[in-house]
Protein backbone atom coordinates (compact mmCIF):
# COMPACT_ATOMS: atom_id res chain seq x y z
CA MET A 1 6.83 -35.04 -61.41
CA SER A 2 5.51 -31.56 -62.81
CA SER A 3 7.35 -30.75 -65.91
CA THR A 4 8.25 -27.21 -64.76
CA THR A 5 8.02 -25.21 -61.61
CA ARG A 6 4.91 -23.06 -61.02
CA GLU A 7 4.97 -20.48 -58.58
CA LEU A 8 2.91 -21.10 -55.54
CA ARG A 9 1.02 -17.99 -54.70
CA GLY A 10 -2.16 -16.16 -54.51
CA VAL A 11 -6.07 -18.04 -53.34
CA LEU A 12 -5.13 -21.66 -53.09
CA PRO A 13 -8.69 -22.88 -51.91
CA VAL A 14 -9.11 -26.46 -50.32
CA PHE A 15 -11.26 -28.54 -51.99
CA GLN A 16 -14.03 -30.57 -50.37
CA THR A 17 -14.40 -33.96 -51.21
CA PRO A 18 -18.18 -34.66 -52.72
CA TYR A 19 -19.51 -38.13 -52.32
CA HIS A 20 -22.14 -40.37 -54.08
CA PRO A 21 -24.86 -41.51 -51.59
CA ASP A 22 -23.15 -44.62 -50.96
CA GLU A 23 -19.80 -42.36 -49.84
CA THR A 24 -18.07 -43.60 -52.65
CA ILE A 25 -16.03 -40.37 -54.25
CA ASP A 26 -18.09 -38.22 -56.89
CA HIS A 27 -15.71 -37.74 -59.65
CA ALA A 28 -18.06 -35.94 -61.81
CA THR A 29 -18.84 -33.46 -58.72
CA LEU A 30 -15.36 -33.03 -57.98
CA GLU A 31 -14.53 -32.29 -61.46
CA ARG A 32 -17.31 -29.65 -61.68
CA GLU A 33 -15.43 -27.96 -58.40
CA ILE A 34 -12.64 -27.46 -59.45
CA ALA A 35 -13.13 -26.00 -62.52
CA TRP A 36 -15.30 -23.56 -60.69
CA LEU A 37 -13.12 -22.85 -58.78
CA TYR A 38 -10.54 -21.67 -61.22
CA ASP A 39 -13.42 -20.07 -63.45
CA CYS A 40 -13.70 -18.01 -59.63
CA GLY A 41 -10.38 -17.16 -60.18
CA ALA A 42 -8.60 -19.59 -57.92
CA HIS A 43 -4.58 -19.48 -58.60
CA GLY A 44 -4.58 -23.29 -57.60
CA ILE A 45 -6.06 -26.10 -55.63
CA VAL A 46 -5.28 -27.89 -52.42
CA MET A 47 -6.14 -31.09 -51.42
CA ALA A 48 -6.61 -31.07 -47.58
CA MET A 49 -7.69 -31.37 -44.03
CA VAL A 50 -11.27 -30.15 -45.15
CA SER A 51 -10.91 -32.52 -48.13
CA GLU A 52 -11.80 -35.06 -45.65
CA THR A 53 -8.08 -36.46 -46.25
CA LEU A 54 -7.99 -38.24 -42.39
CA ARG A 55 -11.40 -40.07 -43.30
CA LEU A 56 -10.33 -41.49 -46.87
CA SER A 57 -8.60 -45.17 -47.02
CA SER A 58 -4.82 -44.77 -48.38
CA GLU A 59 -5.98 -46.25 -51.91
CA GLU A 60 -8.76 -43.50 -51.59
CA ARG A 61 -6.35 -40.97 -50.97
CA GLU A 62 -4.36 -41.33 -53.75
CA GLU A 63 -7.27 -41.75 -55.73
CA LEU A 64 -8.60 -38.30 -54.90
CA ALA A 65 -4.73 -36.86 -55.52
CA THR A 66 -4.80 -38.60 -58.91
CA ALA A 67 -8.10 -36.75 -59.58
CA ALA A 68 -7.08 -33.70 -58.49
CA CYS A 69 -3.78 -33.21 -60.21
CA LYS A 70 -5.99 -34.73 -63.68
CA PHE A 71 -8.45 -32.10 -63.15
CA GLY A 72 -6.54 -29.10 -61.75
CA HIS A 73 -3.02 -29.18 -63.25
CA ALA A 74 -4.20 -27.44 -66.61
CA ARG A 75 -5.33 -24.59 -64.80
CA GLY A 76 -3.31 -23.26 -61.67
CA VAL A 77 -0.99 -25.38 -58.79
CA VAL A 78 -1.87 -28.30 -57.24
CA VAL A 79 -1.00 -29.29 -53.97
CA ILE A 80 -1.44 -32.36 -52.48
CA SER A 81 -1.67 -33.36 -48.55
CA VAL A 82 0.55 -36.23 -47.70
CA GLY A 83 0.73 -36.21 -43.63
CA ALA A 84 0.33 -39.10 -42.07
CA GLU A 85 1.25 -41.17 -38.76
CA SER A 86 4.31 -42.73 -40.10
CA SER A 87 6.80 -41.38 -41.98
CA LYS A 88 7.01 -44.24 -44.04
CA VAL A 89 3.27 -43.62 -45.21
CA ALA A 90 3.72 -39.83 -45.40
CA GLU A 91 6.53 -40.80 -47.81
CA ARG A 92 4.57 -43.19 -49.61
CA TYR A 93 2.10 -39.97 -50.02
CA ALA A 94 4.46 -37.55 -51.36
CA ARG A 95 6.61 -39.78 -53.62
CA HIS A 96 2.51 -40.30 -55.32
CA ALA A 97 2.01 -37.11 -55.54
CA GLU A 98 4.77 -36.39 -57.24
CA SER A 99 4.13 -39.42 -59.57
CA VAL A 100 0.87 -38.10 -60.58
CA GLY A 101 1.87 -34.36 -61.42
CA ALA A 102 1.48 -32.59 -58.27
CA ASP A 103 3.19 -29.13 -57.94
CA ALA A 104 3.77 -29.08 -54.27
CA VAL A 105 3.07 -31.35 -51.04
CA MET A 106 1.74 -30.45 -47.66
CA ALA A 107 1.96 -32.56 -44.38
CA ILE A 108 0.85 -32.24 -40.89
CA PRO A 109 2.25 -34.00 -38.44
CA PRO A 110 0.94 -36.97 -36.80
CA VAL A 111 -2.33 -36.71 -35.10
CA SER A 112 -2.27 -39.49 -32.44
CA VAL A 113 0.89 -38.94 -30.36
CA GLY A 114 2.78 -35.59 -29.17
CA ILE A 115 6.53 -35.72 -30.56
CA GLY A 116 8.98 -33.33 -30.09
CA GLU A 117 11.08 -31.65 -31.87
CA GLY A 118 13.81 -34.23 -32.84
CA GLU A 119 11.08 -36.16 -34.44
CA LEU A 120 9.31 -33.48 -35.95
CA LEU A 121 12.81 -32.79 -37.61
CA ALA A 122 13.09 -36.43 -38.78
CA TYR A 123 9.90 -36.77 -39.90
CA TYR A 124 9.53 -33.90 -42.36
CA ARG A 125 13.18 -34.47 -43.24
CA ARG A 126 12.26 -37.78 -44.67
CA ILE A 127 9.20 -36.37 -46.86
CA ILE A 128 11.50 -33.31 -48.32
CA GLU A 129 14.23 -35.77 -49.23
CA ALA A 130 12.05 -38.32 -50.94
CA ILE A 131 10.68 -36.16 -53.33
CA HIS A 132 12.20 -33.18 -55.61
CA LEU A 133 8.92 -31.11 -54.87
CA PRO A 134 8.18 -28.32 -52.49
CA VAL A 135 6.80 -29.06 -49.33
CA ILE A 136 4.48 -26.98 -47.16
CA VAL A 137 5.15 -27.69 -43.21
CA GLN A 138 1.45 -27.18 -41.99
CA ASP A 139 0.98 -26.63 -37.97
CA ALA A 140 -2.30 -27.73 -37.97
CA SER A 141 -2.09 -27.08 -34.32
CA GLY A 142 -6.16 -26.45 -34.03
CA TYR A 143 -6.62 -30.34 -34.77
CA VAL A 144 -3.21 -31.65 -34.18
CA GLY A 145 -2.38 -30.12 -30.59
CA LYS A 146 0.74 -28.09 -29.23
CA PRO A 147 2.16 -25.69 -31.97
CA MET A 148 5.45 -26.50 -33.76
CA PRO A 149 8.78 -24.83 -32.32
CA ILE A 150 9.30 -22.05 -34.20
CA ALA A 151 13.02 -22.64 -34.11
CA MET A 152 12.58 -26.15 -36.10
CA GLN A 153 10.51 -24.59 -38.51
CA ALA A 154 13.25 -22.05 -39.20
CA ARG A 155 15.65 -24.83 -38.88
CA LEU A 156 14.31 -26.60 -41.93
CA LEU A 157 14.53 -23.86 -44.24
CA ASP A 158 18.26 -23.27 -43.18
CA GLU A 159 18.83 -27.10 -44.47
CA PHE A 160 16.75 -26.75 -47.61
CA GLY A 161 15.74 -23.46 -48.44
CA PRO A 162 12.48 -21.30 -49.16
CA GLU A 163 12.13 -22.94 -52.56
CA ARG A 164 12.00 -26.73 -51.25
CA VAL A 165 10.05 -25.63 -47.48
CA LEU A 166 6.98 -23.39 -46.98
CA TYR A 167 4.81 -22.62 -44.35
CA LYS A 168 0.78 -22.85 -43.33
CA PRO A 169 0.96 -21.79 -39.85
CA GLU A 170 -2.04 -22.21 -37.82
CA ALA A 171 -0.87 -21.84 -34.08
CA SER A 172 -2.26 -18.58 -31.97
CA PRO A 173 -2.09 -16.41 -31.94
CA ILE A 174 -2.05 -16.23 -35.79
CA GLY A 175 -0.56 -12.85 -36.18
CA PRO A 176 2.11 -12.87 -33.75
CA LYS A 177 3.15 -16.21 -35.04
CA LEU A 178 3.46 -15.48 -38.11
CA SER A 179 5.60 -12.57 -37.87
CA GLU A 180 8.01 -14.55 -35.48
CA LEU A 181 8.34 -17.05 -38.31
CA ARG A 182 9.16 -14.32 -40.39
CA ASP A 183 11.70 -12.75 -38.55
CA ALA A 184 13.11 -15.83 -37.22
CA THR A 185 14.23 -16.76 -40.75
CA GLY A 186 15.14 -13.17 -42.02
CA GLY A 187 12.03 -12.54 -43.93
CA ARG A 188 12.63 -15.54 -46.54
CA ALA A 189 10.10 -17.46 -45.06
CA ARG A 190 7.25 -18.05 -47.71
CA VAL A 191 3.77 -18.15 -45.85
CA PHE A 192 0.33 -19.14 -46.47
CA GLU A 193 -2.57 -17.93 -44.02
CA GLY A 194 -4.19 -20.70 -42.91
CA THR A 195 -7.28 -19.95 -40.77
CA GLY A 196 -9.83 -20.09 -43.73
CA GLY A 197 -9.68 -16.41 -44.53
CA ILE A 198 -10.71 -15.09 -41.05
CA ALA A 199 -7.06 -13.68 -40.43
CA LEU A 200 -6.03 -12.76 -44.20
CA VAL A 201 -6.19 -8.86 -43.80
CA ASP A 202 -3.96 -8.89 -40.65
CA SER A 203 -1.96 -11.84 -41.98
CA PHE A 204 -1.32 -10.36 -45.96
CA ARG A 205 0.10 -7.11 -43.63
CA ARG A 206 2.79 -9.42 -42.13
CA GLY A 207 4.14 -10.57 -45.67
CA ILE A 208 2.18 -13.45 -46.33
CA VAL A 209 2.24 -14.99 -50.10
CA GLY A 210 -1.07 -16.43 -50.26
CA THR A 211 -4.27 -18.01 -48.45
CA MET A 212 -5.36 -21.63 -48.46
CA PRO A 213 -9.26 -21.35 -47.76
CA GLY A 214 -12.26 -23.43 -48.07
CA ALA A 215 -13.54 -24.01 -51.54
CA ASP A 216 -17.40 -22.74 -50.42
CA LEU A 217 -16.23 -18.67 -50.25
CA ILE A 218 -14.16 -18.59 -53.22
CA ARG A 219 -16.48 -15.80 -54.56
CA GLY A 220 -15.42 -13.41 -51.73
CA LEU A 221 -11.76 -14.30 -51.04
CA VAL A 222 -10.63 -13.78 -54.64
CA PRO A 223 -12.14 -10.47 -54.61
CA LEU A 224 -10.76 -9.77 -50.98
CA TRP A 225 -7.32 -10.98 -52.17
CA HIS A 226 -7.25 -8.58 -54.75
CA ALA A 227 -8.52 -5.83 -52.95
CA LEU A 228 -5.49 -6.07 -50.39
CA ALA A 229 -3.06 -6.27 -53.37
CA ALA A 230 -4.12 -3.48 -54.83
CA GLY A 231 -3.99 -1.59 -51.07
CA ASP A 232 -7.72 -1.01 -51.44
CA THR A 233 -8.57 -1.19 -47.69
CA ALA A 234 -12.28 -0.22 -47.47
CA ARG A 235 -13.15 -2.46 -49.90
CA ALA A 236 -10.93 -5.26 -48.27
CA ASP A 237 -12.93 -4.17 -44.90
CA ARG A 238 -16.34 -4.78 -46.68
CA ILE A 239 -15.46 -8.10 -47.76
CA HIS A 240 -13.93 -9.45 -45.10
CA GLY A 241 -16.45 -8.47 -42.32
CA PRO A 242 -19.36 -10.78 -42.98
CA LEU A 243 -16.70 -13.69 -44.40
CA ALA A 244 -14.69 -13.20 -40.98
CA ALA A 245 -18.16 -13.52 -38.82
CA LEU A 246 -19.10 -16.31 -40.98
CA ILE A 247 -15.75 -18.08 -40.72
CA SER A 248 -15.79 -17.69 -36.81
CA MET A 249 -19.00 -19.55 -36.29
CA GLN A 250 -16.77 -22.64 -37.72
CA THR A 251 -15.10 -24.24 -34.38
CA SER A 252 -14.10 -27.62 -35.13
CA LEU A 253 -13.10 -29.42 -38.51
CA ASP A 254 -16.73 -31.19 -38.81
CA ALA A 255 -18.07 -27.49 -38.29
CA PHE A 256 -16.14 -26.07 -41.53
CA LEU A 257 -17.33 -29.28 -43.39
CA ALA A 258 -20.71 -28.94 -42.64
CA VAL A 259 -20.68 -24.92 -43.31
CA GLU A 260 -18.93 -25.71 -46.54
CA LYS A 261 -21.29 -28.70 -48.25
CA HIS A 262 -24.20 -26.47 -47.26
CA LEU A 263 -22.69 -23.23 -49.40
CA LEU A 264 -21.45 -26.05 -52.31
CA VAL A 265 -24.95 -27.19 -52.59
CA ARG A 266 -26.44 -23.94 -52.52
CA GLN A 267 -24.11 -22.54 -55.36
CA GLY A 268 -25.02 -25.60 -56.85
CA ILE A 269 -21.66 -27.26 -57.30
CA PHE A 270 -22.37 -30.25 -54.93
CA LYS A 271 -25.58 -32.73 -55.52
CA ASN A 272 -25.39 -33.14 -51.23
CA THR A 273 -24.02 -32.40 -48.03
CA LEU A 274 -22.65 -35.91 -46.87
CA VAL A 275 -19.94 -35.88 -44.81
CA ARG A 276 -18.44 -38.96 -43.49
CA GLY A 277 -19.49 -39.84 -40.20
CA PRO A 278 -19.28 -39.85 -37.17
CA VAL A 279 -19.21 -36.09 -37.14
CA GLY A 280 -19.16 -33.52 -34.40
CA PHE A 281 -20.96 -30.73 -35.81
CA ARG A 282 -24.18 -30.84 -37.84
CA LEU A 283 -25.99 -27.27 -38.86
CA ASP A 284 -29.57 -26.50 -37.06
CA ALA A 285 -31.94 -24.23 -39.08
CA GLU A 286 -31.01 -21.30 -36.95
CA THR A 287 -27.62 -21.69 -37.38
CA THR A 288 -27.94 -22.14 -41.36
CA ARG A 289 -30.23 -19.26 -41.44
CA GLU A 290 -27.31 -17.18 -40.06
CA VAL A 291 -24.57 -18.78 -42.46
CA ASP A 292 -27.34 -17.98 -45.30
CA ARG A 293 -27.54 -14.10 -44.15
CA LEU A 294 -23.50 -13.74 -43.61
CA PHE A 295 -23.11 -15.19 -47.09
CA ASP A 296 -25.33 -12.81 -49.03
CA ARG A 297 -23.72 -10.05 -47.16
CA MET A 298 -20.18 -11.10 -48.19
CA ILE A 299 -21.43 -11.74 -51.95
CA GLU A 300 -22.93 -8.17 -52.01
CA ALA A 301 -20.06 -6.72 -50.32
CA ALA A 302 -17.53 -8.61 -53.04
CA ASN A 303 -19.86 -7.89 -55.90
CA PRO A 304 -22.09 -4.47 -54.81
CA LYS A 305 -24.34 -3.33 -57.33
CA SER A 306 -23.74 -0.40 -59.45
């Protein structure tokens, strides 16, 4: 367990998992990625969907969680995704994350079955009650189907309190759903923006405490977060324009992975763009050129020449 409780707030990027050519986890590159994220101003790191958690074995997930805590804990908070197809396995991952030093866990619901409100409550209660860490409820509707009921999410907060239950809502429409959750909890819900940053400007105005984007755009997202915190709307809009256009090209999990790993290679962090297959999206030459163009525009907006 973490020896102290550290605040979950700010820019917490979800790291991508680097692989050797044989698809085993490349720990040296992972350590470099995490150090680079902190050097760029991240407040912590997250292991989650775009870390390819669903394409790892149980042993690999625990290996990756251990490495993330080892490489990241000294410089910021570490959040580990523990969602699974059964409550028993999710509890196992949660207990493991706590044992290796995570500051919080995050959980999507099961992806292979549509479950009702009662089963969802039982699933999250079991995770929360198994550990002492905060649990971030991730409504990953874009990946797993129907949105979670707002009333169910609010009930978890009523039962366990805002220090134990936090949220990463991804159901559409993002803004109104976020406000509905905020209002249903009397403003107590601590919410992270979870759309890669595309809805960050609007979500910030609705009272979020942080964002969990991909690692590849950290050089734009940290300046954007600071601009929003400072009330510098003009600068925020300049950065957010190309950033949002770039994220809008990523319409599936595999599209996110393809773009993110391409940009991590381009920035000298990753050695390759390997994603465990089968994959549902690959970058073609024209899409790659547009990704690079928008990335350059984002960097220029975030770091204008004097």
